[in-house]
C-alpha atoms as a PDB file:
ATOM      1  CA  MET A   1     -33.267 -26.060  -8.208  1.00  0.00           C
ATOM      2  CA  LYS A   2     -31.409 -23.273 -10.123  1.00  0.00           C
ATOM      3  CA  ASN A   3     -29.926 -21.989  -6.733  1.00  0.00           C
ATOM      4  CA  ILE A   4     -28.558 -25.384  -5.795  1.00  0.00           C
ATOM      5  CA  ASN A   5     -26.815 -25.805  -9.194  1.00  0.00           C
ATOM      6  CA  GLU A   6     -25.385 -22.210  -8.951  1.00  0.00           C
ATOM      7  CA  GLU A   7     -24.075 -22.964  -5.491  1.00  0.00           C
ATOM      8  CA  LYS A   8     -22.331 -26.183  -6.702  1.00  0.00           C
ATOM      9  CA  SER A   9     -20.721 -24.286  -9.530  1.00  0.00           C
ATOM     10  CA  LYS A  10     -19.612 -21.519  -7.177  1.00  0.00           C
ATOM     11  CA  ASN A  11     -18.067 -24.173  -4.815  1.00  0.00           C
ATOM     12  CA  LYS A  12     -16.243 -25.770  -7.694  1.00  0.00           C
ATOM     13  CA  PHE A  13     -14.828 -22.312  -8.689  1.00  0.00           C
ATOM     14  CA  PHE A  14     -13.612 -21.567  -5.165  1.00  0.00           C
ATOM     15  CA  LYS A  15     -12.176 -25.138  -4.805  1.00  0.00           C
ATOM     16  CA  LYS A  16     -10.351 -24.771  -7.986  1.00  0.00           C
ATOM     17  CA  LEU A  17      -9.122 -21.243  -6.985  1.00  0.00           C
ATOM     18  CA  LYS A  18      -7.884 -22.676  -3.527  1.00  0.00           C
ATOM     19  CA  GLU A  19      -5.922 -25.413  -5.369  1.00  0.00           C
ATOM     20  CA  ASN A  20      -4.235 -23.110  -7.728  1.00  0.00           C
ATOM     21  CA  LYS A  21      -0.560 -22.736  -6.721  1.00  0.00           C
ATOM     22  CA  LEU A  22      -0.240 -19.334  -8.113  1.00  0.00           C
ATOM     23  CA  VAL A  23      -3.086 -18.017  -5.912  1.00  0.00           C
ATOM     24  CA  GLU A  24      -1.771 -19.962  -2.966  1.00  0.00           C
ATOM     25  CA  LYS A  25       1.629 -18.325  -3.379  1.00  0.00           C
ATOM     26  CA  PHE A  26       0.339 -14.854  -3.742  1.00  0.00           C
ATOM     27  CA  LEU A  27      -2.765 -14.813  -1.661  1.00  0.00           C
ATOM     28  CA  THR A  28      -0.957 -14.939   1.734  1.00  0.00           C
ATOM     29  CA  LYS A  29      -2.197 -13.537   4.993  1.00  0.00           C
ATOM     30  CA  GLU A  30       0.550 -10.967   4.717  1.00  0.00           C
ATOM     31  CA  ILE A  31      -0.534  -9.787   1.336  1.00  0.00           C
ATOM     32  CA  ILE A  32      -4.218  -9.719   2.424  1.00  0.00           C
ATOM     33  CA  LEU A  33      -3.330  -7.563   5.521  1.00  0.00           C
ATOM     34  CA  TYR A  34      -1.074  -5.453   3.404  1.00  0.00           C
ATOM     35  CA  ALA A  35      -4.018  -4.903   0.931  1.00  0.00           C
ATOM     36  CA  VAL A  36      -6.563  -4.099   3.676  1.00  0.00           C
ATOM     37  CA  PHE A  37      -4.102  -1.523   5.367  1.00  0.00           C
ATOM     38  CA  GLY A  38      -3.117  -0.363   1.888  1.00  0.00           C
ATOM     39  CA  VAL A  39      -6.695   0.428   1.101  1.00  0.00           C
ATOM     40  CA  LEU A  40      -6.994   2.380   4.445  1.00  0.00           C
ATOM     41  CA  THR A  41      -3.774   4.088   3.761  1.00  0.00           C
ATOM     42  CA  THR A  42      -4.994   4.967   0.208  1.00  0.00           C
ATOM     43  CA  LEU A  43      -8.144   6.321   1.632  1.00  0.00           C
ATOM     44  CA  ILE A  44      -6.282   8.552   4.084  1.00  0.00           C
ATOM     45  CA  ASN A  45      -4.052   9.756   1.168  1.00  0.00           C
ATOM     46  CA  ILE A  46      -6.829  10.410  -1.344  1.00  0.00           C
ATOM     47  CA  GLY A  47      -9.396  11.399   1.174  1.00  0.00           C
ATOM     48  CA  SER A  48      -7.112  14.035   2.845  1.00  0.00           C
ATOM     49  CA  PHE A  49      -6.119  15.242  -0.687  1.00  0.00           C
ATOM     50  CA  PHE A  50      -9.776  15.633  -1.715  1.00  0.00           C
ATOM     51  CA  ILE A  51     -10.723  17.429   1.592  1.00  0.00           C
ATOM     52  CA  MET A  52      -7.608  19.835   1.276  1.00  0.00           C
ATOM     53  CA  THR A  53      -8.287  20.686  -2.381  1.00  0.00           C
ATOM     54  CA  THR A  54     -12.098  20.742  -2.220  1.00  0.00           C
ATOM     55  CA  PHE A  55     -12.941  22.309   1.025  1.00  0.00           C
ATOM     56  CA  PHE A  56      -9.757  24.294   1.923  1.00  0.00           C
ATOM     57  CA  HIS A  57      -8.651  25.136  -1.670  1.00  0.00           C
ATOM     58  CA  ILE A  58      -5.086  24.161  -0.973  1.00  0.00           C
ATOM     59  CA  GLU A  59      -3.026  24.067  -4.302  1.00  0.00           C
ATOM     60  CA  ASN A  60      -2.899  20.532  -5.621  1.00  0.00           C
ATOM     61  CA  ASP A  61       0.846  20.000  -5.315  1.00  0.00           C
ATOM     62  CA  LEU A  62       0.925  21.111  -1.618  1.00  0.00           C
ATOM     63  CA  ALA A  63      -2.160  19.195  -0.879  1.00  0.00           C
ATOM     64  CA  ASN A  64      -0.705  16.080  -2.510  1.00  0.00           C
ATOM     65  CA  ASN A  65       2.419  16.176  -0.423  1.00  0.00           C
ATOM     66  CA  ILE A  66       0.608  16.617   2.844  1.00  0.00           C
ATOM     67  CA  ALA A  67      -1.564  13.743   1.910  1.00  0.00           C
ATOM     68  CA  ILE A  68       1.350  11.605   1.286  1.00  0.00           C
ATOM     69  CA  VAL A  69       2.913  12.397   4.615  1.00  0.00           C
ATOM     70  CA  LEU A  70      -0.290  11.575   6.491  1.00  0.00           C
ATOM     71  CA  ALA A  71      -0.455   8.305   4.581  1.00  0.00           C
ATOM     72  CA  VAL A  72       3.136   7.393   5.314  1.00  0.00           C
ATOM     73  CA  LEU A  73       2.838   7.792   9.084  1.00  0.00           C
ATOM     74  CA  PHE A  74      -0.340   5.658   9.227  1.00  0.00           C
ATOM     75  CA  ALA A  75       1.352   3.058   6.835  1.00  0.00           C
ATOM     76  CA  TYR A  76       4.438   2.956   9.125  1.00  0.00           C
ATOM     77  CA  VAL A  77       2.444   2.085  12.254  1.00  0.00           C
ATOM     78  CA  THR A  78       0.199  -0.522  10.533  1.00  0.00           C
ATOM     79  CA  ASN A  79       3.031  -2.163   8.381  1.00  0.00           C
ATOM     80  CA  LYS A  80       5.384  -2.476  11.350  1.00  0.00           C
ATOM     81  CA  ASP A  81       3.120  -4.036  13.703  1.00  0.00           C
ATOM     82  CA  LEU A  82       0.070  -5.602  11.947  1.00  0.00           C
ATOM     83  CA  VAL A  83       1.432  -6.661   8.481  1.00  0.00           C
ATOM     84  CA  PHE A  84       5.179  -7.468   8.672  1.00  0.00           C
ATOM     85  CA  HIS A  85       5.272  -8.199  12.521  1.00  0.00           C
ATOM     86  CA  SER A  86       8.777  -6.358  13.072  1.00  0.00           C
ATOM     87  CA  GLN A  87      11.061  -8.264  15.064  1.00  0.00           C
ATOM     88  CA  ALA A  88      13.437  -5.276  15.623  1.00  0.00           C
ATOM     89  CA  GLU A  89      14.601  -5.065  19.303  1.00  0.00           C
ATOM     90  CA  GLY A  90      16.001  -2.181  21.109  1.00  0.00           C
ATOM     91  CA  PHE A  91      16.161   1.397  20.234  1.00  0.00           C
ATOM     92  CA  GLY A  92      18.960   1.069  17.598  1.00  0.00           C
ATOM     93  CA  GLU A  93      17.328  -1.555  15.437  1.00  0.00           C
ATOM     94  CA  LYS A  94      13.917   0.143  15.610  1.00  0.00           C
ATOM     95  CA  PHE A  95      15.468   3.440  14.688  1.00  0.00           C
ATOM     96  CA  ILE A  96      17.266   1.881  11.668  1.00  0.00           C
ATOM     97  CA  GLU A  97      14.109   0.114  10.709  1.00  0.00           C
ATOM     98  CA  PHE A  98      12.288   3.498  10.841  1.00  0.00           C
ATOM     99  CA  CYS A  99      14.904   5.256   8.795  1.00  0.00           C
ATOM    100  CA  LYS A 100      14.723   2.432   6.130  1.00  0.00           C
ATOM    101  CA  PHE A 101      11.003   2.661   5.988  1.00  0.00           C
ATOM    102  CA  ILE A 102      11.195   6.461   5.689  1.00  0.00           C
ATOM    103  CA  LEU A 103      13.910   6.164   3.029  1.00  0.00           C
ATOM    104  CA  GLY A 104      11.776   3.739   0.987  1.00  0.00           C
ATOM    105  CA  ARG A 105       8.781   6.013   1.409  1.00  0.00           C
ATOM    106  CA  LEU A 106      10.814   9.053   0.342  1.00  0.00           C
ATOM    107  CA  VAL A 107      11.739   7.322  -2.873  1.00  0.00           C
ATOM    108  CA  THR A 108       8.108   6.534  -3.579  1.00  0.00           C
ATOM    109  CA  MET A 109       6.899   9.939  -2.400  1.00  0.00           C
ATOM    110  CA  PHE A 110       9.320  11.413  -4.855  1.00  0.00           C
ATOM    111  CA  ILE A 111       7.890   9.180  -7.490  1.00  0.00           C
ATOM    112  CA  GLU A 112       4.303  10.089  -6.485  1.00  0.00           C
ATOM    113  CA  SER A 113       5.035  13.766  -6.223  1.00  0.00           C
ATOM    114  CA  ILE A 114       6.607  14.216  -9.461  1.00  0.00           C
ATOM    115  CA  GLY A 115       4.266  11.695 -11.255  1.00  0.00           C
ATOM    116  CA  GLY A 116       1.239  13.421  -9.730  1.00  0.00           C
ATOM    117  CA  SER A 117       2.535  16.764 -10.729  1.00  0.00           C
ATOM    118  CA  LEU A 118       3.223  15.794 -14.327  1.00  0.00           C
ATOM    119  CA  MET A 119      -0.189  14.028 -14.549  1.00  0.00           C
ATOM    120  CA  PHE A 120      -2.105  16.996 -13.009  1.00  0.00           C
ATOM    121  CA  LYS A 121      -0.628  19.335 -15.661  1.00  0.00           C
ATOM    122  CA  TYR A 122      -0.234  17.200 -18.813  1.00  0.00           C
ATOM    123  CA  LEU A 123      -2.954  14.545 -18.774  1.00  0.00           C
ATOM    124  CA  PRO A 124      -6.441  15.459 -19.794  1.00  0.00           C
ATOM    125  CA  ILE A 125      -8.090  13.504 -16.813  1.00  0.00           C
ATOM    126  CA  PRO A 126      -9.449  14.740 -13.632  1.00  0.00           C
ATOM    127  CA  THR A 127      -6.820  15.296 -10.957  1.00  0.00           C
ATOM    128  CA  ILE A 128      -8.401  12.684  -8.646  1.00  0.00           C
ATOM    129  CA  VAL A 129      -8.125  10.010 -11.353  1.00  0.00           C
ATOM    130  CA  SER A 130      -4.386  11.012 -11.749  1.00  0.00           C
ATOM    131  CA  LYS A 131      -3.982  10.712  -8.052  1.00  0.00           C
ATOM    132  CA  CYS A 132      -5.569   7.182  -7.878  1.00  0.00           C
ATOM    133  CA  LEU A 133      -3.395   5.978 -10.849  1.00  0.00           C
ATOM    134  CA  ILE A 134      -0.154   7.255  -9.323  1.00  0.00           C
ATOM    135  CA  THR A 135      -1.214   5.775  -5.982  1.00  0.00           C
ATOM    136  CA  ILE A 136      -1.618   2.226  -7.367  1.00  0.00           C
ATOM    137  CA  ILE A 137       2.051   2.297  -8.607  1.00  0.00           C
ATOM    138  CA  VAL A 138       3.225   3.476  -5.224  1.00  0.00           C
ATOM    139  CA  ILE A 139       1.346   0.855  -3.233  1.00  0.00           C
ATOM    140  CA  ILE A 140       2.998  -1.960  -5.241  1.00  0.00           C
ATOM    141  CA  LEU A 141       6.485  -0.400  -4.829  1.00  0.00           C
ATOM    142  CA  ASN A 142       5.981   0.317  -1.139  1.00  0.00           C
ATOM    143  CA  PHE A 143       5.121  -3.481  -0.555  1.00  0.00           C
ATOM    144  CA  PHE A 144       8.319  -4.668  -1.927  1.00  0.00           C
ATOM    145  CA  ILE A 145      10.369  -2.028  -0.229  1.00  0.00           C
ATOM    146  CA  SER A 146       8.723  -2.761   3.142  1.00  0.00           C
ATOM    147  CA  LYS A 147       8.980  -6.494   2.873  1.00  0.00           C
ATOM    148  CA  PHE A 148      12.501  -6.831   1.571  1.00  0.00           C
ATOM    149  CA  PHE A 149      14.238  -3.603   2.750  1.00  0.00           C
ATOM    150  CA  ALA A 150      12.623  -1.961   5.783  1.00  0.00           C
ATOM    151  CA  PHE A 151      11.300  -4.378   8.220  1.00  0.00           C
ATOM    152  CA  LYS A 152      13.243  -7.078  10.158  1.00  0.00           C
ATOM    153  CA  SER A 153      10.944 -10.154  10.521  1.00  0.00           C
ATOM    154  CA  SER A 154      11.325 -13.744  11.150  1.00  0.00           C
ATOM    155  CA  ASN A 155       9.423 -14.365   7.937  1.00  0.00           C
ATOM    156  CA  ASN A 156      12.042 -12.408   5.813  1.00  0.00           C
ATOM    157  CA  GLU A 157      14.859 -14.310   7.413  1.00  0.00           C
ATOM    158  CA  LYS A 158      13.395 -17.709   6.732  1.00  0.00           C
ATOM    159  CA  GLU A 159      12.777 -16.894   3.076  1.00  0.00           C
ATOM    160  CA  VAL A 160      16.402 -15.709   2.537  1.00  0.00           C
ATOM    161  CA  LYS A 161      17.792 -18.976   4.034  1.00  0.00           C
END
């Protein structure tokens, strides 16, 4: 009996969650895909940082910058094709799109690099925790840069009109 009542209350919760306009607005396929690939990008970023600092004893700042570059390359491919479904045509449009993406990522890389460096040196928390905290900020910034600046998509054009 208890399991049936628990299931009913769970179903009510999910039904109310689905009906919530705020959830409906922000829990889109695009955001879910961005989150999935963001997690993978973050794993590449943090994982490569961890491997370089732990096993290869590369200095924190250098390892951080290398990890960022690896993550950015992965993010470009997944965001362009799988998340934002770029509509850029021809070499010129694709090149401009790539440059916009890289420019946006350079801005957040600067934020991540300087923020990471400051956190590594001045916060009394483990470097990997600092790395995770600054990465969360960067993920949020990268979504908005990619969606509204870097990628040409039919969705972005419809929202502007």
